[in-house]
Amino acid sequence: MTGYILKRTLCRTVKELFPGISPDLIDNFNKVAASGESVLFDFYNDDLKRWREIYAYSPQKDLVAYTLKTSLTAKRLRRN
């Protein structure tokens, strides 16, 4: 969905992949890493000009993994 090749993204920080990432997203990822609790949220990606839905979780202490997809909820809200 981002156009990145998988082996170029492994073992890289989100700041390395997206230098202009929102501090709010970094805060969300830090909370997941610290608490171990999963979160689901929408955000607008300025680089890609799209709303995204992120599911972030912690597979082990102090690490965060996430999946993202186009946010259908945000699309529906924009139409109304």
N, C-alpha and C. Protein backbone atom coordinates (compact mmCIF):
# COMPACT_ATOMS: atom_id res chain seq x y z
N MET A 1 0.80 -1.20 0.00
CA MET A 1 0.00 0.00 0.00
C MET A 1 0.85 1.27 0.00
N THR A 2 2.05 1.17 0.50
CA THR A 2 2.89 2.36 0.54
C THR A 2 3.83 2.43 -0.65
N GLY A 3 3.96 1.33 -1.36
CA GLY A 3 4.89 1.28 -2.48
C GLY A 3 6.30 0.89 -2.07
N TYR A 4 6.51 0.60 -0.78
CA TYR A 4 7.82 0.20 -0.30
C TYR A 4 8.02 -1.30 -0.49
N ILE A 5 9.23 -1.70 -0.81
CA ILE A 5 9.57 -3.11 -0.94
C ILE A 5 9.83 -3.65 0.45
N LEU A 6 9.27 -4.83 0.75
CA LEU A 6 9.34 -5.38 2.10
C LEU A 6 10.75 -5.45 2.65
N LYS A 7 11.70 -5.98 1.91
CA LYS A 7 13.03 -6.13 2.50
C LYS A 7 13.73 -4.80 2.74
N ARG A 8 13.25 -3.72 2.14
CA ARG A 8 13.80 -2.39 2.43
C ARG A 8 13.20 -1.78 3.68
N THR A 9 12.11 -2.35 4.17
CA THR A 9 11.44 -1.79 5.35
C THR A 9 11.76 -2.55 6.63
N LEU A 10 12.19 -3.78 6.53
CA LEU A 10 12.46 -4.58 7.72
C LEU A 10 13.61 -4.00 8.53
N CYS A 11 13.43 -4.01 9.84
CA CYS A 11 14.46 -3.54 10.79
C CYS A 11 14.78 -2.05 10.63
N ARG A 12 13.85 -1.29 10.14
CA ARG A 12 14.04 0.16 10.04
C ARG A 12 13.02 0.83 10.92
N THR A 13 13.37 1.98 11.44
CA THR A 13 12.41 2.71 12.27
C THR A 13 11.39 3.41 11.39
N VAL A 14 10.26 3.73 11.98
CA VAL A 14 9.22 4.43 11.24
C VAL A 14 9.72 5.81 10.82
N LYS A 15 10.60 6.42 11.62
CA LYS A 15 11.16 7.73 11.25
C LYS A 15 12.10 7.62 10.05
N GLU A 16 12.76 6.48 9.90
CA GLU A 16 13.61 6.27 8.72
C GLU A 16 12.75 6.10 7.47
N LEU A 17 11.65 5.41 7.61
CA LEU A 17 10.77 5.17 6.46
C LEU A 17 9.96 6.40 6.08
N PHE A 18 9.51 7.14 7.08
CA PHE A 18 8.67 8.32 6.86
C PHE A 18 9.24 9.50 7.63
N PRO A 19 10.24 10.18 7.10
CA PRO A 19 10.90 11.27 7.82
C PRO A 19 9.95 12.37 8.30
N GLY A 20 8.89 12.61 7.60
CA GLY A 20 7.95 13.67 7.98
C GLY A 20 6.78 13.17 8.82
N ILE A 21 6.93 12.03 9.46
CA ILE A 21 5.82 11.43 10.22
C ILE A 21 5.35 12.35 11.34
N SER A 22 4.07 12.33 11.56
CA SER A 22 3.45 13.17 12.59
C SER A 22 3.92 12.75 13.99
N PRO A 23 4.23 13.74 14.83
CA PRO A 23 4.58 13.41 16.23
C PRO A 23 3.47 12.65 16.96
N ASP A 24 2.21 12.88 16.56
CA ASP A 24 1.09 12.15 17.17
C ASP A 24 1.18 10.66 16.89
N LEU A 25 1.59 10.31 15.68
CA LEU A 25 1.76 8.89 15.35
C LEU A 25 2.89 8.27 16.17
N ILE A 26 3.99 9.00 16.30
CA ILE A 26 5.11 8.51 17.11
C ILE A 26 4.65 8.31 18.55
N ASP A 27 3.85 9.24 19.08
CA ASP A 27 3.32 9.10 20.44
C ASP A 27 2.48 7.83 20.57
N ASN A 28 1.62 7.59 19.57
CA ASN A 28 0.79 6.37 19.61
C ASN A 28 1.66 5.12 19.61
N PHE A 29 2.68 5.08 18.76
CA PHE A 29 3.57 3.92 18.70
C PHE A 29 4.34 3.75 20.01
N ASN A 30 4.79 4.85 20.60
CA ASN A 30 5.50 4.77 21.88
C ASN A 30 4.60 4.22 22.99
N LYS A 31 3.34 4.62 23.01
CA LYS A 31 2.41 4.12 24.02
C LYS A 31 2.19 2.61 23.86
N VAL A 32 2.08 2.16 22.62
CA VAL A 32 1.92 0.73 22.37
C VAL A 32 3.16 -0.03 22.84
N ALA A 33 4.33 0.47 22.51
CA ALA A 33 5.58 -0.19 22.91
C ALA A 33 5.71 -0.25 24.43
N ALA A 34 5.32 0.82 25.11
CA ALA A 34 5.45 0.88 26.57
C ALA A 34 4.41 0.04 27.30
N SER A 35 3.18 0.04 26.79
CA SER A 35 2.08 -0.63 27.49
C SER A 35 1.84 -2.06 27.03
N GLY A 36 2.20 -2.34 25.77
CA GLY A 36 1.90 -3.66 25.21
C GLY A 36 0.47 -3.77 24.72
N GLU A 37 -0.32 -2.70 24.87
CA GLU A 37 -1.72 -2.71 24.44
C GLU A 37 -1.83 -2.31 22.97
N SER A 38 -2.67 -3.01 22.23
CA SER A 38 -2.89 -2.73 20.82
C SER A 38 -3.81 -1.53 20.66
N VAL A 39 -3.68 -0.80 19.55
CA VAL A 39 -4.57 0.32 19.25
C VAL A 39 -4.94 0.29 17.77
N LEU A 40 -6.10 0.84 17.47
CA LEU A 40 -6.59 0.98 16.10
C LEU A 40 -7.00 2.43 15.94
N PHE A 41 -6.48 3.11 14.91
CA PHE A 41 -6.81 4.51 14.71
C PHE A 41 -6.66 4.90 13.25
N ASP A 42 -7.29 6.01 12.87
CA ASP A 42 -7.21 6.57 11.52
C ASP A 42 -6.27 7.77 11.54
N PHE A 43 -5.60 7.99 10.42
CA PHE A 43 -4.79 9.21 10.27
C PHE A 43 -4.68 9.55 8.79
N TYR A 44 -4.42 10.82 8.51
CA TYR A 44 -4.23 11.26 7.14
C TYR A 44 -2.74 11.31 6.85
N ASN A 45 -2.31 10.62 5.80
CA ASN A 45 -0.91 10.60 5.40
C ASN A 45 -0.70 11.66 4.33
N ASP A 46 0.01 12.73 4.68
CA ASP A 46 0.25 13.82 3.74
C ASP A 46 1.08 13.39 2.55
N ASP A 47 2.08 12.51 2.78
CA ASP A 47 2.93 12.05 1.68
C ASP A 47 2.13 11.29 0.63
N LEU A 48 1.21 10.45 1.08
CA LEU A 48 0.42 9.62 0.17
C LEU A 48 -0.92 10.24 -0.20
N LYS A 49 -1.30 11.32 0.50
CA LYS A 49 -2.57 12.02 0.28
C LYS A 49 -3.76 11.07 0.46
N ARG A 50 -3.69 10.25 1.52
CA ARG A 50 -4.75 9.29 1.78
C ARG A 50 -4.97 9.11 3.28
N TRP A 51 -6.22 8.79 3.62
CA TRP A 51 -6.53 8.38 4.97
C TRP A 51 -6.10 6.93 5.12
N ARG A 52 -5.53 6.61 6.28
CA ARG A 52 -5.09 5.25 6.57
C ARG A 52 -5.65 4.81 7.92
N GLU A 53 -5.89 3.52 8.02
CA GLU A 53 -6.26 2.92 9.28
C GLU A 53 -5.05 2.10 9.74
N ILE A 54 -4.61 2.36 10.96
CA ILE A 54 -3.45 1.65 11.50
C ILE A 54 -3.88 0.78 12.67
N TYR A 55 -3.43 -0.46 12.64
CA TYR A 55 -3.55 -1.34 13.77
C TYR A 55 -2.13 -1.56 14.27
N ALA A 56 -1.81 -1.04 15.45
CA ALA A 56 -0.47 -1.15 16.03
C ALA A 56 -0.51 -2.08 17.23
N TYR A 57 0.49 -2.93 17.33
CA TYR A 57 0.58 -3.87 18.44
C TYR A 57 2.04 -4.09 18.79
N SER A 58 2.27 -4.71 19.93
CA SER A 58 3.63 -4.93 20.40
C SER A 58 3.91 -6.44 20.47
N PRO A 59 4.68 -6.97 19.51
CA PRO A 59 4.97 -8.41 19.53
C PRO A 59 5.93 -8.80 20.65
N GLN A 60 6.70 -7.83 21.14
CA GLN A 60 7.55 -8.04 22.31
C GLN A 60 7.85 -6.69 22.93
N LYS A 61 8.28 -6.70 24.18
CA LYS A 61 8.50 -5.45 24.92
C LYS A 61 9.37 -4.48 24.13
N ASP A 62 8.94 -3.24 24.09
CA ASP A 62 9.64 -2.12 23.45
C ASP A 62 9.71 -2.19 21.93
N LEU A 63 8.92 -3.06 21.32
CA LEU A 63 8.84 -3.11 19.85
C LEU A 63 7.40 -2.89 19.43
N VAL A 64 7.23 -2.29 18.25
CA VAL A 64 5.90 -2.07 17.70
C VAL A 64 5.87 -2.59 16.27
N ALA A 65 4.81 -3.28 15.96
CA ALA A 65 4.53 -3.68 14.59
C ALA A 65 3.18 -3.08 14.23
N TYR A 66 2.95 -2.88 12.96
CA TYR A 66 1.66 -2.31 12.58
C TYR A 66 1.26 -2.77 11.19
N THR A 67 -0.03 -2.73 10.97
CA THR A 67 -0.58 -2.94 9.64
C THR A 67 -1.32 -1.67 9.29
N LEU A 68 -1.38 -1.38 8.02
CA LEU A 68 -2.16 -0.22 7.62
C LEU A 68 -2.92 -0.53 6.35
N LYS A 69 -4.05 0.13 6.24
CA LYS A 69 -4.88 -0.01 5.05
C LYS A 69 -5.62 1.29 4.83
N THR A 70 -6.18 1.44 3.65
CA THR A 70 -6.98 2.62 3.38
C THR A 70 -8.16 2.61 4.33
N SER A 71 -8.41 3.74 4.96
CA SER A 71 -9.45 3.83 5.97
C SER A 71 -10.81 4.06 5.34
N LEU A 72 -11.65 3.05 5.40
CA LEU A 72 -13.00 3.20 4.87
C LEU A 72 -13.85 4.08 5.78
N THR A 73 -13.59 4.03 7.08
CA THR A 73 -14.34 4.88 8.03
C THR A 73 -14.11 6.34 7.71
N ALA A 74 -12.86 6.73 7.51
CA ALA A 74 -12.55 8.13 7.21
C ALA A 74 -13.15 8.53 5.87
N LYS A 75 -13.14 7.63 4.90
CA LYS A 75 -13.75 7.95 3.60
C LYS A 75 -15.24 8.22 3.76
N ARG A 76 -15.90 7.39 4.55
CA ARG A 76 -17.34 7.56 4.77
C ARG A 76 -17.62 8.89 5.46
N LEU A 77 -16.80 9.26 6.45
CA LEU A 77 -17.00 10.52 7.16
C LEU A 77 -16.82 11.72 6.25
N ARG A 78 -15.88 11.63 5.32
CA ARG A 78 -15.65 12.75 4.41
C ARG A 78 -16.83 12.94 3.48
N ARG A 79 -17.53 11.88 3.12
CA ARG A 79 -18.67 11.98 2.21
C ARG A 79 -19.85 12.67 2.87
N ASN A 80 -19.97 12.56 4.19
CA ASN A 80 -21.13 13.13 4.90
C ASN A 80 -20.96 14.58 5.22
